[in-house]
C-alpha atoms as a PDB file:
ATOM      1  CA  MET A   1      53.525  -6.691 -25.678  1.00  0.00           C
ATOM      2  CA  HIS A   2      56.486  -6.135 -23.553  1.00  0.00           C
ATOM      3  CA  ALA A   3      55.901  -6.227 -19.780  1.00  0.00           C
ATOM      4  CA  GLN A   4      56.482  -2.945 -17.822  1.00  0.00           C
ATOM      5  CA  PRO A   5      58.246  -3.112 -14.249  1.00  0.00           C
ATOM      6  CA  ASN A   6      56.075  -4.286 -11.940  1.00  0.00           C
ATOM      7  CA  ASP A   7      53.780  -5.565 -14.443  1.00  0.00           C
ATOM      8  CA  ARG A   8      52.760  -9.255 -13.928  1.00  0.00           C
ATOM      9  CA  SER A   9      50.320 -10.036 -15.467  1.00  0.00           C
ATOM     10  CA  CYS A  10      49.895 -13.217 -17.929  1.00  0.00           C
ATOM     11  CA  ALA A  11      48.628 -10.793 -20.886  1.00  0.00           C
ATOM     12  CA  SER A  12      52.297  -9.638 -20.895  1.00  0.00           C
ATOM     13  CA  GLU A  13      55.164 -11.086 -22.036  1.00  0.00           C
ATOM     14  CA  ALA A  14      57.728 -11.042 -18.862  1.00  0.00           C
ATOM     15  CA  ILE A  15      60.874 -10.738 -21.873  1.00  0.00           C
ATOM     16  CA  GLY A  16      59.035  -9.979 -25.397  1.00  0.00           C
ATOM     17  CA  GLY A  17      60.365  -8.883 -28.636  1.00  0.00           C
ATOM     18  CA  ASN A  18      62.291 -11.498 -29.800  1.00  0.00           C
ATOM     19  CA  HIS A  19      64.433 -11.379 -26.583  1.00  0.00           C
ATOM     20  CA  PHE A  20      65.401 -15.089 -27.173  1.00  0.00           C
ATOM     21  CA  GLY A  21      68.083 -16.457 -24.421  1.00  0.00           C
ATOM     22  CA  PRO A  22      68.867 -18.344 -21.644  1.00  0.00           C
ATOM     23  CA  VAL A  23      67.304 -17.948 -17.866  1.00  0.00           C
ATOM     24  CA  MET A  24      70.127 -18.479 -14.973  1.00  0.00           C
ATOM     25  CA  ILE A  25      69.773 -18.108 -11.298  1.00  0.00           C
ATOM     26  CA  TYR A  26      72.528 -17.679  -8.803  1.00  0.00           C
ATOM     27  CA  MET A  27      72.772 -17.521  -5.174  1.00  0.00           C
ATOM     28  CA  ALA A  28      75.243 -15.779  -2.433  1.00  0.00           C
ATOM     29  CA  LYS A  29      75.857 -16.309   1.043  1.00  0.00           C
ATOM     30  CA  VAL A  30      76.125 -13.073   2.678  1.00  0.00           C
ATOM     31  CA  ASP A  31      76.288 -12.065   6.367  1.00  0.00           C
ATOM     32  CA  ASP A  32      72.956  -9.581   6.114  1.00  0.00           C
ATOM     33  CA  ALA A  33      70.955  -9.833   2.802  1.00  0.00           C
ATOM     34  CA  THR A  34      69.565  -6.571   3.685  1.00  0.00           C
ATOM     35  CA  ALA A  35      72.629  -4.680   3.824  1.00  0.00           C
ATOM     36  CA  ALA A  36      74.497  -6.871   1.465  1.00  0.00           C
ATOM     37  CA  SER A  37      76.108  -5.222  -1.661  1.00  0.00           C
ATOM     38  CA  PRO A  38      76.139  -7.772  -4.807  1.00  0.00           C
ATOM     39  CA  GLU A  39      79.764  -6.547  -5.864  1.00  0.00           C
ATOM     40  CA  GLY A  40      83.123  -9.347  -5.219  1.00  0.00           C
ATOM     41  CA  LEU A  41      80.528 -11.936  -3.726  1.00  0.00           C
ATOM     42  CA  SER A  42      81.262 -15.392  -4.894  1.00  0.00           C
ATOM     43  CA  TRP A  43      77.835 -16.834  -6.830  1.00  0.00           C
ATOM     44  CA  PHE A  44      77.064 -20.189  -7.235  1.00  0.00           C
ATOM     45  CA  LYS A  45      74.694 -21.444 -10.073  1.00  0.00           C
ATOM     46  CA  VAL A  46      71.309 -23.116  -8.968  1.00  0.00           C
ATOM     47  CA  ASP A  47      68.899 -23.360 -12.186  1.00  0.00           C
ATOM     48  CA  GLU A  48      69.181 -22.496 -15.503  1.00  0.00           C
ATOM     49  CA  GLN A  49      67.046 -22.953 -18.846  1.00  0.00           C
ATOM     50  CA  GLY A  50      69.013 -22.566 -21.921  1.00  0.00           C
ATOM     51  CA  TYR A  51      67.639 -23.975 -25.454  1.00  0.00           C
ATOM     52  CA  ASP A  52      65.880 -27.126 -26.088  1.00  0.00           C
ATOM     53  CA  ALA A  53      66.552 -27.855 -29.806  1.00  0.00           C
ATOM     54  CA  ALA A  54      63.600 -30.332 -30.013  1.00  0.00           C
ATOM     55  CA  SER A  55      61.453 -27.979 -29.802  1.00  0.00           C
ATOM     56  CA  LYS A  56      63.162 -24.975 -30.314  1.00  0.00           C
ATOM     57  CA  LYS A  57      61.936 -23.215 -26.978  1.00  0.00           C
ATOM     58  CA  TRP A  58      64.480 -21.174 -24.854  1.00  0.00           C
ATOM     59  CA  GLY A  59      64.568 -20.515 -20.785  1.00  0.00           C
ATOM     60  CA  THR A  60      62.674 -17.108 -22.313  1.00  0.00           C
ATOM     61  CA  ASP A  61      59.808 -19.000 -23.896  1.00  0.00           C
ATOM     62  CA  ALA A  62      59.253 -21.002 -20.596  1.00  0.00           C
ATOM     63  CA  LEU A  63      58.992 -17.665 -18.915  1.00  0.00           C
ATOM     64  CA  ASN A  64      56.766 -15.935 -20.578  1.00  0.00           C
ATOM     65  CA  ALA A  65      54.800 -19.128 -20.801  1.00  0.00           C
ATOM     66  CA  ASN A  66      54.768 -18.945 -16.836  1.00  0.00           C
ATOM     67  CA  CYS A  67      53.846 -15.211 -16.410  1.00  0.00           C
ATOM     68  CA  GLY A  68      57.216 -13.831 -15.683  1.00  0.00           C
ATOM     69  CA  LYS A  69      57.731 -17.084 -12.677  1.00  0.00           C
ATOM     70  CA  ARG A  70      60.408 -19.342 -12.441  1.00  0.00           C
ATOM     71  CA  GLU A  71      60.645 -21.894  -9.736  1.00  0.00           C
ATOM     72  CA  PHE A  72      63.484 -23.235  -8.879  1.00  0.00           C
ATOM     73  CA  THR A  73      65.060 -25.452  -6.158  1.00  0.00           C
ATOM     74  CA  ILE A  74      67.510 -24.436  -3.317  1.00  0.00           C
ATOM     75  CA  PRO A  75      70.113 -26.781  -2.485  1.00  0.00           C
ATOM     76  CA  SER A  76      69.125 -28.565   0.262  1.00  0.00           C
ATOM     77  CA  LYS A  77      72.077 -28.940   2.274  1.00  0.00           C
ATOM     78  CA  ILE A  78      73.598 -25.241   2.023  1.00  0.00           C
ATOM     79  CA  PRO A  79      74.097 -23.596   5.151  1.00  0.00           C
ATOM     80  CA  THR A  80      71.560 -21.513   6.608  1.00  0.00           C
ATOM     81  CA  GLY A  81      71.549 -18.096   6.708  1.00  0.00           C
ATOM     82  CA  ASP A  82      71.057 -15.122   4.483  1.00  0.00           C
ATOM     83  CA  TYR A  83      71.915 -14.923   0.332  1.00  0.00           C
ATOM     84  CA  LEU A  84      71.290 -13.132  -2.238  1.00  0.00           C
ATOM     85  CA  VAL A  85      69.407 -14.639  -5.395  1.00  0.00           C
ATOM     86  CA  ARG A  86      70.348 -13.285  -8.986  1.00  0.00           C
ATOM     87  CA  ALA A  87      67.778 -14.413 -11.375  1.00  0.00           C
ATOM     88  CA  GLU A  88      69.156 -13.547 -15.092  1.00  0.00           C
ATOM     89  CA  ILE A  89      68.218 -13.446 -18.808  1.00  0.00           C
ATOM     90  CA  ILE A  90      70.575 -12.939 -21.678  1.00  0.00           C
ATOM     91  CA  ALA A  91      68.841 -12.320 -24.560  1.00  0.00           C
ATOM     92  CA  LEU A  92      70.590 -13.308 -27.766  1.00  0.00           C
ATOM     93  CA  HIS A  93      68.963 -11.585 -31.095  1.00  0.00           C
ATOM     94  CA  THR A  94      71.845  -9.359 -31.573  1.00  0.00           C
ATOM     95  CA  ALA A  95      74.405 -11.315 -30.426  1.00  0.00           C
ATOM     96  CA  SER A  96      76.007 -12.135 -33.462  1.00  0.00           C
ATOM     97  CA  GLN A  97      78.869  -9.448 -32.817  1.00  0.00           C
ATOM     98  CA  ALA A  98      80.583  -9.235 -29.471  1.00  0.00           C
ATOM     99  CA  GLY A  99      78.840  -6.926 -27.559  1.00  0.00           C
ATOM    100  CA  GLY A 100      75.333  -7.834 -28.981  1.00  0.00           C
ATOM    101  CA  ALA A 101      74.282  -9.554 -25.699  1.00  0.00           C
ATOM    102  CA  GLN A 102      71.647  -7.571 -23.584  1.00  0.00           C
ATOM    103  CA  PHE A 103      71.816  -9.063 -20.044  1.00  0.00           C
ATOM    104  CA  TYR A 104      68.655  -8.360 -17.879  1.00  0.00           C
ATOM    105  CA  MET A 105      69.102  -9.380 -14.026  1.00  0.00           C
ATOM    106  CA  SER A 106      67.032  -8.969 -10.621  1.00  0.00           C
ATOM    107  CA  CYS A 107      68.357  -9.772  -7.452  1.00  0.00           C
ATOM    108  CA  TYR A 108      66.299 -10.824  -3.843  1.00  0.00           C
ATOM    109  CA  GLN A 109      67.406 -11.489  -0.519  1.00  0.00           C
ATOM    110  CA  VAL A 110      66.517 -14.764   0.892  1.00  0.00           C
ATOM    111  CA  LYS A 111      66.992 -15.980   4.291  1.00  0.00           C
ATOM    112  CA  VAL A 112      67.734 -19.925   4.206  1.00  0.00           C
ATOM    113  CA  ALA A 113      66.226 -22.078   7.668  1.00  0.00           C
ATOM    114  CA  GLY A 114      66.232 -25.751   7.693  1.00  0.00           C
ATOM    115  CA  ALA A 115      69.080 -26.645   5.874  1.00  0.00           C
ATOM    116  CA  GLY A 116      70.792 -30.100   5.850  1.00  0.00           C
ATOM    117  CA  GLU A 117      73.261 -30.635   8.464  1.00  0.00           C
ATOM    118  CA  GLY A 118      77.234 -30.613   7.740  1.00  0.00           C
ATOM    119  CA  GLY A 119      76.238 -28.069   4.568  1.00  0.00           C
ATOM    120  CA  GLN A 120      78.318 -25.896   2.567  1.00  0.00           C
ATOM    121  CA  VAL A 121      78.445 -23.308   0.399  1.00  0.00           C
ATOM    122  CA  PRO A 122      79.507 -24.378  -2.812  1.00  0.00           C
ATOM    123  CA  ALA A 123      82.466 -22.465  -4.727  1.00  0.00           C
ATOM    124  CA  GLY A 124      81.187 -19.591  -6.610  1.00  0.00           C
ATOM    125  CA  VAL A 125      82.236 -17.040  -9.495  1.00  0.00           C
ATOM    126  CA  LYS A 126      82.531 -13.286  -9.778  1.00  0.00           C
ATOM    127  CA  ILE A 127      79.956 -11.390 -11.194  1.00  0.00           C
ATOM    128  CA  PRO A 128      80.847  -9.439 -13.214  1.00  0.00           C
ATOM    129  CA  GLY A 129      83.960 -11.236 -14.583  1.00  0.00           C
ATOM    130  CA  VAL A 130      81.768 -15.048 -15.380  1.00  0.00           C
ATOM    131  CA  TYR A 131      81.307 -13.847 -18.987  1.00  0.00           C
ATOM    132  CA  SER A 132      83.279 -12.171 -21.696  1.00  0.00           C
ATOM    133  CA  ALA A 133      82.178 -11.083 -24.894  1.00  0.00           C
ATOM    134  CA  SER A 134      83.146 -13.752 -26.728  1.00  0.00           C
ATOM    135  CA  ASP A 135      81.741 -16.185 -24.941  1.00  0.00           C
ATOM    136  CA  PRO A 136      80.281 -18.963 -27.374  1.00  0.00           C
ATOM    137  CA  GLY A 137      77.143 -18.876 -24.974  1.00  0.00           C
ATOM    138  CA  VAL A 138      76.954 -14.955 -24.920  1.00  0.00           C
ATOM    139  CA  GLN A 139      78.482 -14.138 -28.764  1.00  0.00           C
ATOM    140  CA  VAL A 140      75.765 -16.444 -31.128  1.00  0.00           C
ATOM    141  CA  ASP A 141      74.404 -15.987 -33.894  1.00  0.00           C
ATOM    142  CA  ILE A 142      70.632 -17.535 -33.053  1.00  0.00           C
ATOM    143  CA  TRP A 143      69.067 -16.326 -36.365  1.00  0.00           C
ATOM    144  CA  GLY A 144      71.920 -18.636 -38.531  1.00  0.00           C
ATOM    145  CA  ASN A 145      70.798 -21.110 -40.499  1.00  0.00           C
ATOM    146  CA  GLY A 146      73.547 -23.426 -39.046  1.00  0.00           C
ATOM    147  CA  PHE A 147      72.352 -22.743 -35.301  1.00  0.00           C
ATOM    148  CA  LYS A 148      71.125 -25.947 -33.530  1.00  0.00           C
ATOM    149  CA  GLN A 149      72.651 -25.961 -29.818  1.00  0.00           C
ATOM    150  CA  TYR A 150      73.399 -23.604 -27.410  1.00  0.00           C
ATOM    151  CA  VAL A 151      75.937 -24.188 -24.532  1.00  0.00           C
ATOM    152  CA  THR A 152      74.506 -21.972 -21.756  1.00  0.00           C
ATOM    153  CA  PRO A 153      77.357 -19.916 -20.342  1.00  0.00           C
ATOM    154  CA  GLY A 154      78.759 -19.495 -16.730  1.00  0.00           C
ATOM    155  CA  PRO A 155      79.720 -22.362 -14.280  1.00  0.00           C
ATOM    156  CA  SER A 156      77.460 -25.571 -14.457  1.00  0.00           C
ATOM    157  CA  VAL A 157      74.688 -26.040 -12.063  1.00  0.00           C
ATOM    158  CA  VAL A 158      75.585 -27.101  -8.578  1.00  0.00           C
ATOM    159  CA  ASP A 159      75.276 -30.669  -8.091  1.00  0.00           C
ATOM    160  CA  GLN A 160      72.791 -31.824  -5.205  1.00  0.00           C
ATOM    161  CA  THR A 161      75.768 -34.647  -4.980  1.00  0.00           C
ATOM    162  CA  PHE A 162      78.124 -32.163  -4.351  1.00  0.00           C
ATOM    163  CA  PHE A 163      77.120 -31.948  -0.457  1.00  0.00           C
END
């Protein structure tokens, strides 16, 4: 069973049909989240869950097990103000050829308050532009006999010691 838009029933998978892949969360500082456009922003990654070879579980498996919800920690010292949050899944079930990966994303508006003193916005990446169709984490055969590990594409998650 596949979840439909606005269906957050735990009886339905958040993303089903062998849509295995990583879950990533990015943030971007904006002047006014209610009016901001996501194009041209500098996005920094705050969370990711890729593939755990020991359990053979993907970030999407954890998302489904948690009724489509994912908790993450906003970096404690980023400046207060408005941000856009981009939650993203890359479904890899047909990603053995370039252009086969499927991207699913949602964006949210948040206001960060009570941030640490002296914080700064981490360096970010442009979306689109952060991935290419042939990147190892985007073009990958997850069904092949030799598949054992996965490297999540894009930048590293922001290190709290950055601040």
